[in-house]
PDB file of all heavy atoms in Angstrom:
ATOM      1  N   CYS A   1      38.622   6.832 -20.189  1.00  0.00           N
ATOM      2  CA  CYS A   1      37.891   8.064 -20.527  1.00  0.00           C
ATOM      3  C   CYS A   1      37.260   8.739 -19.306  1.00  0.00           C
ATOM      4  O   CYS A   1      36.752   9.853 -19.413  1.00  0.00           O
ATOM      5  CB  CYS A   1      36.816   7.780 -21.571  1.00  0.00           C
ATOM      6  SG  CYS A   1      35.421   6.816 -20.953  1.00  0.00           S
ATOM      7  N   GLY A   2      37.253   8.058 -18.138  1.00  0.00           N
ATOM      8  CA  GLY A   2      36.709   8.675 -16.929  1.00  0.00           C
ATOM      9  C   GLY A   2      35.347   8.175 -16.509  1.00  0.00           C
ATOM     10  O   GLY A   2      34.780   8.664 -15.539  1.00  0.00           O
ATOM     11  N   LYS A   3      34.812   7.172 -17.186  1.00  0.00           N
ATOM     12  CA  LYS A   3      33.448   6.732 -16.868  1.00  0.00           C
ATOM     13  C   LYS A   3      33.346   6.066 -15.494  1.00  0.00           C
ATOM     14  O   LYS A   3      32.436   6.372 -14.719  1.00  0.00           O
ATOM     15  CB  LYS A   3      32.900   5.818 -17.961  1.00  0.00           C
ATOM     16  CG  LYS A   3      33.769   4.636 -18.343  1.00  0.00           C
ATOM     17  CD  LYS A   3      33.234   3.938 -19.589  1.00  0.00           C
ATOM     18  CE  LYS A   3      34.047   2.689 -19.901  1.00  0.00           C
ATOM     19  NZ  LYS A   3      35.435   3.021 -20.307  1.00  0.00           N
ATOM     20  N   THR A   4      34.294   5.176 -15.165  1.00  0.00           N
ATOM     21  CA  THR A   4      34.257   4.523 -13.848  1.00  0.00           C
ATOM     22  C   THR A   4      34.571   5.521 -12.746  1.00  0.00           C
ATOM     23  O   THR A   4      33.954   5.480 -11.671  1.00  0.00           O
ATOM     24  CB  THR A   4      35.247   3.339 -13.806  1.00  0.00           C
ATOM     25  OG1 THR A   4      34.789   2.321 -14.703  1.00  0.00           O
ATOM     26  CG2 THR A   4      35.329   2.745 -12.411  1.00  0.00           C
ATOM     27  N   THR A   5      35.501   6.433 -13.001  1.00  0.00           N
ATOM     28  CA  THR A   5      35.792   7.479 -12.016  1.00  0.00           C
ATOM     29  C   THR A   5      34.545   8.304 -11.723  1.00  0.00           C
ATOM     30  O   THR A   5      34.256   8.626 -10.566  1.00  0.00           O
ATOM     31  CB  THR A   5      36.930   8.382 -12.521  1.00  0.00           C
ATOM     32  OG1 THR A   5      38.096   7.585 -12.754  1.00  0.00           O
ATOM     33  CG2 THR A   5      37.263   9.467 -11.517  1.00  0.00           C
ATOM     34  N   SER A   6      33.779   8.648 -12.754  1.00  0.00           N
ATOM     35  CA  SER A   6      32.537   9.409 -12.571  1.00  0.00           C
ATOM     36  C   SER A   6      31.567   8.655 -11.668  1.00  0.00           C
ATOM     37  O   SER A   6      30.939   9.231 -10.768  1.00  0.00           O
ATOM     38  CB  SER A   6      31.885   9.687 -13.924  1.00  0.00           C
ATOM     39  OG  SER A   6      32.738  10.406 -14.772  1.00  0.00           O
ATOM     40  N   LEU A   7      31.441   7.345 -11.914  1.00  0.00           N
ATOM     41  CA  LEU A   7      30.531   6.518 -11.106  1.00  0.00           C
ATOM     42  C   LEU A   7      30.995   6.473  -9.654  1.00  0.00           C
ATOM     43  O   LEU A   7      30.186   6.609  -8.724  1.00  0.00           O
ATOM     44  CB  LEU A   7      30.503   5.113 -11.694  1.00  0.00           C
ATOM     45  CG  LEU A   7      29.347   4.217 -11.261  1.00  0.00           C
ATOM     46  CD1 LEU A   7      28.065   4.644 -11.957  1.00  0.00           C
ATOM     47  CD2 LEU A   7      29.653   2.752 -11.582  1.00  0.00           C
ATOM     48  N   ARG A   8      32.287   6.301  -9.458  1.00  0.00           N
ATOM     49  CA  ARG A   8      32.826   6.212  -8.101  1.00  0.00           C
ATOM     50  C   ARG A   8      32.730   7.554  -7.364  1.00  0.00           C
ATOM     51  O   ARG A   8      32.652   7.587  -6.130  1.00  0.00           O
ATOM     52  CB  ARG A   8      34.275   5.729  -8.152  1.00  0.00           C
ATOM     53  CG  ARG A   8      34.391   4.256  -8.573  1.00  0.00           C
ATOM     54  CD  ARG A   8      35.841   3.852  -8.838  1.00  0.00           C
ATOM     55  NE  ARG A   8      36.673   3.972  -7.654  1.00  0.00           N
ATOM     56  CZ  ARG A   8      36.807   3.049  -6.711  1.00  0.00           C
ATOM     57  NH1 ARG A   8      36.145   1.908  -6.822  1.00  0.00           N
ATOM     58  NH2 ARG A   8      37.591   3.245  -5.660  1.00  0.00           N
ATOM     59  N   MET A   9      32.702   8.646  -8.110  1.00  0.00           N
ATOM     60  CA  MET A   9      32.487   9.951  -7.477  1.00  0.00           C
ATOM     61  C   MET A   9      31.079  10.046  -6.898  1.00  0.00           C
ATOM     62  O   MET A   9      30.873  10.613  -5.826  1.00  0.00           O
ATOM     63  CB  MET A   9      32.740  11.071  -8.497  1.00  0.00           C
ATOM     64  CG  MET A   9      34.209  11.257  -8.858  1.00  0.00           C
ATOM     65  SD  MET A   9      34.469  12.192 -10.383  1.00  0.00           S
ATOM     66  CE  MET A   9      34.075  13.848  -9.838  1.00  0.00           C
ATOM     67  N   VAL A  10      30.112   9.481  -7.603  1.00  0.00           N
ATOM     68  CA  VAL A  10      28.737   9.472  -7.084  1.00  0.00           C
ATOM     69  C   VAL A  10      28.658   8.601  -5.835  1.00  0.00           C
ATOM     70  O   VAL A  10      27.987   8.948  -4.852  1.00  0.00           O
ATOM     71  CB  VAL A  10      27.745   8.947  -8.146  1.00  0.00           C
ATOM     72  CG1 VAL A  10      26.325   8.906  -7.575  1.00  0.00           C
ATOM     73  CG2 VAL A  10      27.775   9.815  -9.395  1.00  0.00           C
ATOM     74  N   ALA A  11      29.369   7.459  -5.859  1.00  0.00           N
ATOM     75  CA  ALA A  11      29.339   6.539  -4.722  1.00  0.00           C
ATOM     76  C   ALA A  11      30.109   7.073  -3.513  1.00  0.00           C
ATOM     77  O   ALA A  11      29.937   6.564  -2.398  1.00  0.00           O
ATOM     78  CB  ALA A  11      29.921   5.196  -5.144  1.00  0.00           C
ATOM     79  N   GLY A  12      30.969   8.065  -3.740  1.00  0.00           N
ATOM     80  CA  GLY A  12      31.785   8.582  -2.652  1.00  0.00           C
ATOM     81  C   GLY A  12      33.098   7.857  -2.507  1.00  0.00           C
ATOM     82  O   GLY A  12      33.817   8.044  -1.511  1.00  0.00           O
ATOM     83  N   LEU A  13      33.454   7.036  -3.504  1.00  0.00           N
ATOM     84  CA  LEU A  13      34.708   6.274  -3.463  1.00  0.00           C
ATOM     85  C   LEU A  13      35.859   7.041  -4.093  1.00  0.00           C
ATOM     86  O   LEU A  13      37.007   6.595  -4.020  1.00  0.00           O
ATOM     87  CB  LEU A  13      34.522   4.930  -4.172  1.00  0.00           C
ATOM     88  CG  LEU A  13      33.394   4.047  -3.633  1.00  0.00           C
ATOM     89  CD1 LEU A  13      33.268   2.780  -4.462  1.00  0.00           C
ATOM     90  CD2 LEU A  13      33.619   3.719  -2.164  1.00  0.00           C
ATOM     91  N   GLU A  14      35.564   8.157  -4.753  1.00  0.00           N
ATOM     92  CA  GLU A  14      36.586   9.044  -5.304  1.00  0.00           C
ATOM     93  C   GLU A  14      36.303  10.468  -4.844  1.00  0.00           C
ATOM     94  O   GLU A  14      35.138  10.879  -4.760  1.00  0.00           O
ATOM     95  CB  GLU A  14      36.593   9.007  -6.839  1.00  0.00           C
ATOM     96  CG  GLU A  14      37.049   7.697  -7.448  1.00  0.00           C
ATOM     97  CD  GLU A  14      38.546   7.467  -7.329  1.00  0.00           C
ATOM     98  OE1 GLU A  14      39.257   8.385  -6.881  1.00  0.00           O
ATOM     99  OE2 GLU A  14      38.984   6.361  -7.683  1.00  0.00           O
ATOM    100  N   THR A  15      37.357  11.203  -4.563  1.00  0.00           N
ATOM    101  CA  THR A  15      37.224  12.600  -4.141  1.00  0.00           C
ATOM    102  C   THR A  15      36.830  13.481  -5.312  1.00  0.00           C
ATOM    103  O   THR A  15      37.308  13.289  -6.435  1.00  0.00           O
ATOM    104  CB  THR A  15      38.564  13.099  -3.562  1.00  0.00           C
ATOM    105  OG1 THR A  15      38.958  12.238  -2.504  1.00  0.00           O
ATOM    106  CG2 THR A  15      38.449  14.526  -3.048  1.00  0.00           C
ATOM    107  N   VAL A  16      35.966  14.445  -5.055  1.00  0.00           N
ATOM    108  CA  VAL A  16      35.623  15.460  -6.056  1.00  0.00           C
ATOM    109  C   VAL A  16      36.528  16.666  -5.805  1.00  0.00           C
ATOM    110  O   VAL A  16      36.420  17.323  -4.768  1.00  0.00           O
ATOM    111  CB  VAL A  16      34.132  15.854  -5.965  1.00  0.00           C
ATOM    112  CG1 VAL A  16      33.799  16.917  -7.010  1.00  0.00           C
ATOM    113  CG2 VAL A  16      33.245  14.635  -6.143  1.00  0.00           C
ATOM    114  N   ASP A  17      37.429  16.949  -6.743  1.00  0.00           N
ATOM    115  CA  ASP A  17      38.406  18.029  -6.544  1.00  0.00           C
ATOM    116  C   ASP A  17      37.822  19.402  -6.841  1.00  0.00           C
ATOM    117  O   ASP A  17      38.337  20.413  -6.343  1.00  0.00           O
ATOM    118  CB  ASP A  17      39.634  17.787  -7.425  1.00  0.00           C
ATOM    119  CG  ASP A  17      40.392  16.527  -7.009  1.00  0.00           C
ATOM    120  OD1 ASP A  17      40.564  16.331  -5.794  1.00  0.00           O
ATOM    121  OD2 ASP A  17      40.780  15.739  -7.889  1.00  0.00           O
ATOM    122  N   ALA A  18      36.805  19.461  -7.672  1.00  0.00           N
ATOM    123  CA  ALA A  18      36.141  20.735  -7.976  1.00  0.00           C
ATOM    124  C   ALA A  18      34.715  20.421  -8.418  1.00  0.00           C
ATOM    125  O   ALA A  18      34.423  19.322  -8.889  1.00  0.00           O
ATOM    126  CB  ALA A  18      36.885  21.492  -9.069  1.00  0.00           C
ATOM    127  N   GLY A  19      33.821  21.414  -8.277  1.00  0.00           N
ATOM    128  CA  GLY A  19      32.422  21.181  -8.618  1.00  0.00           C
ATOM    129  C   GLY A  19      31.719  20.410  -7.514  1.00  0.00           C
ATOM    130  O   GLY A  19      32.220  20.287  -6.389  1.00  0.00           O
ATOM    131  N   CYS A  20      30.562  19.861  -7.842  1.00  0.00           N
ATOM    132  CA  CYS A  20      29.808  19.116  -6.828  1.00  0.00           C
ATOM    133  C   CYS A  20      28.942  18.046  -7.481  1.00  0.00           C
ATOM    134  O   CYS A  20      28.734  18.040  -8.695  1.00  0.00           O
ATOM    135  CB  CYS A  20      28.953  20.054  -5.985  1.00  0.00           C
ATOM    136  SG  CYS A  20      27.492  20.719  -6.829  1.00  0.00           S
ATOM    137  N   ILE A  21      28.444  17.150  -6.628  1.00  0.00           N
ATOM    138  CA  ILE A  21      27.527  16.091  -7.052  1.00  0.00           C
ATOM    139  C   ILE A  21      26.309  16.143  -6.147  1.00  0.00           C
ATOM    140  O   ILE A  21      26.432  16.220  -4.913  1.00  0.00           O
ATOM    141  CB  ILE A  21      28.202  14.709  -6.994  1.00  0.00           C
ATOM    142  CG1 ILE A  21      29.286  14.623  -8.066  1.00  0.00           C
ATOM    143  CG2 ILE A  21      27.182  13.593  -7.184  1.00  0.00           C
ATOM    144  CD1 ILE A  21      30.092  13.355  -8.045  1.00  0.00           C
ATOM    145  N   ARG A  22      25.136  16.095  -6.760  1.00  0.00           N
ATOM    146  CA  ARG A  22      23.879  16.113  -6.009  1.00  0.00           C
ATOM    147  C   ARG A  22      23.100  14.828  -6.263  1.00  0.00           C
ATOM    148  O   ARG A  22      23.060  14.328  -7.385  1.00  0.00           O
ATOM    149  CB  ARG A  22      23.015  17.318  -6.403  1.00  0.00           C
ATOM    150  CG  ARG A  22      23.659  18.668  -6.155  1.00  0.00           C
ATOM    151  CD  ARG A  22      22.742  19.826  -6.528  1.00  0.00           C
ATOM    152  NE  ARG A  22      23.438  21.098  -6.404  1.00  0.00           N
ATOM    153  CZ  ARG A  22      23.585  21.762  -5.258  1.00  0.00           C
ATOM    154  NH1 ARG A  22      23.064  21.257  -4.136  1.00  0.00           N
ATOM    155  NH2 ARG A  22      24.232  22.902  -5.227  1.00  0.00           N
ATOM    156  N   ILE A  23      22.492  14.326  -5.206  1.00  0.00           N
ATOM    157  CA  ILE A  23      21.507  13.251  -5.320  1.00  0.00           C
ATOM    158  C   ILE A  23      20.196  13.835  -4.836  1.00  0.00           C
ATOM    159  O   ILE A  23      20.059  14.190  -3.664  1.00  0.00           O
ATOM    160  CB  ILE A  23      21.910  12.010  -4.499  1.00  0.00           C
ATOM    161  CG1 ILE A  23      23.217  11.429  -5.047  1.00  0.00           C
ATOM    162  CG2 ILE A  23      20.810  10.965  -4.532  1.00  0.00           C
ATOM    163  CD1 ILE A  23      23.754  10.244  -4.276  1.00  0.00           C
ATOM    164  N   GLY A  24      19.263  13.981  -5.764  1.00  0.00           N
ATOM    165  CA  GLY A  24      18.068  14.766  -5.466  1.00  0.00           C
ATOM    166  C   GLY A  24      18.492  16.214  -5.286  1.00  0.00           C
ATOM    167  O   GLY A  24      19.281  16.755  -6.059  1.00  0.00           O
ATOM    168  N   ALA A  25      17.992  16.846  -4.228  1.00  0.00           N
ATOM    169  CA  ALA A  25      18.354  18.237  -3.960  1.00  0.00           C
ATOM    170  C   ALA A  25      19.555  18.345  -3.030  1.00  0.00           C
ATOM    171  O   ALA A  25      20.044  19.442  -2.762  1.00  0.00           O
ATOM    172  CB  ALA A  25      17.153  18.965  -3.340  1.00  0.00           C
TER     173      ALA A  25
END
């Protein structure tokens, strides 16, 4: 369903193809 991929996107282990991820500001 994409849950582990989502987590790895936060960790930087998966590329974000569109949109963005923020930690804090």
